[in-house]
């Protein structure tokens, strides 16, 4: 059974250079109640991490 996290900053950052993989993981994690961010590389990932108040 998949448990969904509480709504208190449960965020995940998916980093992959292949967009279909990012999309698949986003859908799966979103269904589990996570807020999901995707990045196509390290530069994008660092920008996303820097823009969030809660840890990603």
N, C-alpha and C. Protein backbone atom coordinates (compact mmCIF):
# COMPACT_ATOMS: atom_id res chain seq x y z
N UNK A 1 0.84 -1.18 0.00
CA UNK A 1 0.00 0.00 0.00
C UNK A 1 0.88 1.24 0.00
N UNK A 2 0.59 2.17 -0.88
CA UNK A 2 1.36 3.40 -0.97
C UNK A 2 0.73 4.42 -0.02
N UNK A 3 1.56 5.00 0.83
CA UNK A 3 1.09 6.02 1.74
C UNK A 3 1.45 7.38 1.17
N UNK A 4 0.53 8.31 1.29
CA UNK A 4 0.80 9.66 0.81
C UNK A 4 1.35 10.49 1.96
N UNK A 5 2.29 11.37 1.67
CA UNK A 5 2.89 12.18 2.71
C UNK A 5 1.95 13.28 3.18
N UNK A 6 2.22 13.81 4.35
CA UNK A 6 1.46 14.95 4.84
C UNK A 6 1.73 16.15 3.94
N UNK A 7 0.85 17.12 3.97
CA UNK A 7 0.99 18.28 3.09
C UNK A 7 1.91 19.33 3.68
N UNK A 8 3.06 18.96 4.17
CA UNK A 8 4.00 19.92 4.75
C UNK A 8 5.34 19.85 4.05
N UNK A 9 5.40 20.41 2.88
CA UNK A 9 6.64 20.53 2.12
C UNK A 9 7.25 19.20 1.71
N UNK A 10 6.47 18.29 1.24
CA UNK A 10 6.99 17.03 0.70
C UNK A 10 7.27 17.25 -0.78
N UNK A 11 8.50 17.61 -1.06
CA UNK A 11 8.89 17.96 -2.43
C UNK A 11 9.98 17.02 -2.91
N UNK A 12 9.94 16.74 -4.22
CA UNK A 12 10.93 15.89 -4.86
C UNK A 12 11.42 16.59 -6.11
N UNK A 13 12.71 16.53 -6.32
CA UNK A 13 13.31 17.07 -7.54
C UNK A 13 13.84 15.91 -8.36
N UNK A 14 13.32 15.76 -9.57
CA UNK A 14 13.76 14.71 -10.49
C UNK A 14 14.68 15.37 -11.53
N UNK A 15 15.89 14.84 -11.65
CA UNK A 15 16.85 15.40 -12.61
C UNK A 15 17.24 14.30 -13.59
N UNK A 16 16.96 14.54 -14.86
CA UNK A 16 17.35 13.59 -15.90
C UNK A 16 17.35 14.33 -17.23
N UNK A 17 18.26 13.97 -18.10
CA UNK A 17 18.33 14.65 -19.39
C UNK A 17 17.33 14.11 -20.41
N UNK A 18 16.60 13.07 -20.03
CA UNK A 18 15.57 12.52 -20.92
C UNK A 18 14.18 12.90 -20.39
N UNK A 19 13.50 13.74 -21.13
CA UNK A 19 12.21 14.28 -20.68
C UNK A 19 11.16 13.20 -20.41
N UNK A 20 11.07 12.13 -21.21
CA UNK A 20 10.07 11.09 -20.92
C UNK A 20 10.25 10.46 -19.53
N UNK A 21 11.49 10.32 -19.09
CA UNK A 21 11.74 9.77 -17.76
C UNK A 21 11.26 10.74 -16.69
N UNK A 22 11.56 12.02 -16.87
CA UNK A 22 11.08 13.04 -15.94
C UNK A 22 9.55 13.04 -15.87
N UNK A 23 8.92 12.95 -17.01
CA UNK A 23 7.46 12.97 -17.06
C UNK A 23 6.86 11.76 -16.35
N UNK A 24 7.43 10.57 -16.58
CA UNK A 24 6.92 9.36 -15.95
C UNK A 24 7.06 9.44 -14.43
N UNK A 25 8.23 9.86 -13.97
CA UNK A 25 8.44 9.96 -12.53
C UNK A 25 7.56 11.04 -11.90
N UNK A 26 7.35 12.14 -12.62
CA UNK A 26 6.48 13.21 -12.12
C UNK A 26 5.07 12.66 -11.90
N UNK A 27 4.54 11.95 -12.86
CA UNK A 27 3.19 11.39 -12.75
C UNK A 27 3.08 10.43 -11.56
N UNK A 28 4.06 9.54 -11.44
CA UNK A 28 4.02 8.55 -10.35
C UNK A 28 4.11 9.21 -8.98
N UNK A 29 5.05 10.12 -8.83
CA UNK A 29 5.23 10.78 -7.54
C UNK A 29 4.08 11.72 -7.20
N UNK A 30 3.55 12.37 -8.21
CA UNK A 30 2.40 13.27 -8.00
C UNK A 30 1.20 12.48 -7.47
N UNK A 31 0.99 11.30 -8.00
CA UNK A 31 -0.11 10.45 -7.54
C UNK A 31 0.07 10.02 -6.09
N UNK A 32 1.30 10.02 -5.61
CA UNK A 32 1.58 9.67 -4.21
C UNK A 32 1.52 10.88 -3.29
N UNK A 33 1.20 12.03 -3.84
CA UNK A 33 1.01 13.21 -3.02
C UNK A 33 2.20 14.15 -2.92
N UNK A 34 3.22 13.90 -3.69
CA UNK A 34 4.40 14.77 -3.65
C UNK A 34 4.25 15.94 -4.61
N UNK A 35 4.89 17.05 -4.26
CA UNK A 35 5.06 18.15 -5.20
C UNK A 35 6.34 17.83 -5.95
N UNK A 36 6.26 17.76 -7.27
CA UNK A 36 7.39 17.29 -8.06
C UNK A 36 7.91 18.39 -8.97
N UNK A 37 9.22 18.57 -8.93
CA UNK A 37 9.90 19.49 -9.83
C UNK A 37 10.79 18.64 -10.73
N UNK A 38 10.93 19.06 -11.98
CA UNK A 38 11.81 18.33 -12.88
C UNK A 38 12.84 19.30 -13.46
N UNK A 39 14.02 18.76 -13.71
CA UNK A 39 15.09 19.53 -14.32
C UNK A 39 15.81 18.64 -15.32
N UNK A 40 16.29 19.26 -16.38
CA UNK A 40 16.99 18.51 -17.43
C UNK A 40 18.50 18.50 -17.23
N UNK A 41 18.98 19.08 -16.15
CA UNK A 41 20.41 19.09 -15.89
C UNK A 41 20.72 19.76 -14.57
N UNK A 42 22.00 19.76 -14.23
CA UNK A 42 22.43 20.29 -12.94
C UNK A 42 22.14 21.77 -12.78
N UNK A 43 22.34 22.54 -13.81
CA UNK A 43 22.11 23.98 -13.73
C UNK A 43 20.64 24.28 -13.40
N UNK A 44 19.73 23.62 -14.10
CA UNK A 44 18.30 23.80 -13.82
C UNK A 44 17.95 23.32 -12.42
N UNK A 45 18.53 22.21 -12.00
CA UNK A 45 18.25 21.65 -10.68
C UNK A 45 18.68 22.62 -9.58
N UNK A 46 19.85 23.21 -9.71
CA UNK A 46 20.32 24.16 -8.71
C UNK A 46 19.43 25.40 -8.65
N UNK A 47 18.96 25.85 -9.80
CA UNK A 47 18.06 27.01 -9.82
C UNK A 47 16.75 26.69 -9.10
N UNK A 48 16.20 25.51 -9.33
CA UNK A 48 14.97 25.10 -8.67
C UNK A 48 15.18 24.99 -7.17
N UNK A 49 16.27 24.37 -6.76
CA UNK A 49 16.55 24.22 -5.34
C UNK A 49 16.70 25.57 -4.64
N UNK A 50 17.31 26.51 -5.32
CA UNK A 50 17.51 27.83 -4.75
C UNK A 50 16.25 28.65 -4.64
N UNK A 51 15.23 28.30 -5.42
CA UNK A 51 13.99 29.08 -5.42
C UNK A 51 12.94 28.56 -4.44
N UNK A 52 13.23 27.48 -3.72
CA UNK A 52 12.24 26.86 -2.83
C UNK A 52 12.49 27.22 -1.37
N UNK A 53 11.41 27.47 -0.64
CA UNK A 53 11.52 27.78 0.79
C UNK A 53 11.76 26.51 1.59
N UNK A 54 11.07 25.45 1.24
CA UNK A 54 11.25 24.16 1.93
C UNK A 54 12.33 23.36 1.19
N UNK A 55 13.04 22.51 1.90
CA UNK A 55 14.05 21.69 1.22
C UNK A 55 13.43 20.81 0.13
N UNK A 56 14.14 20.67 -0.92
CA UNK A 56 13.70 19.82 -2.04
C UNK A 56 14.50 18.53 -1.99
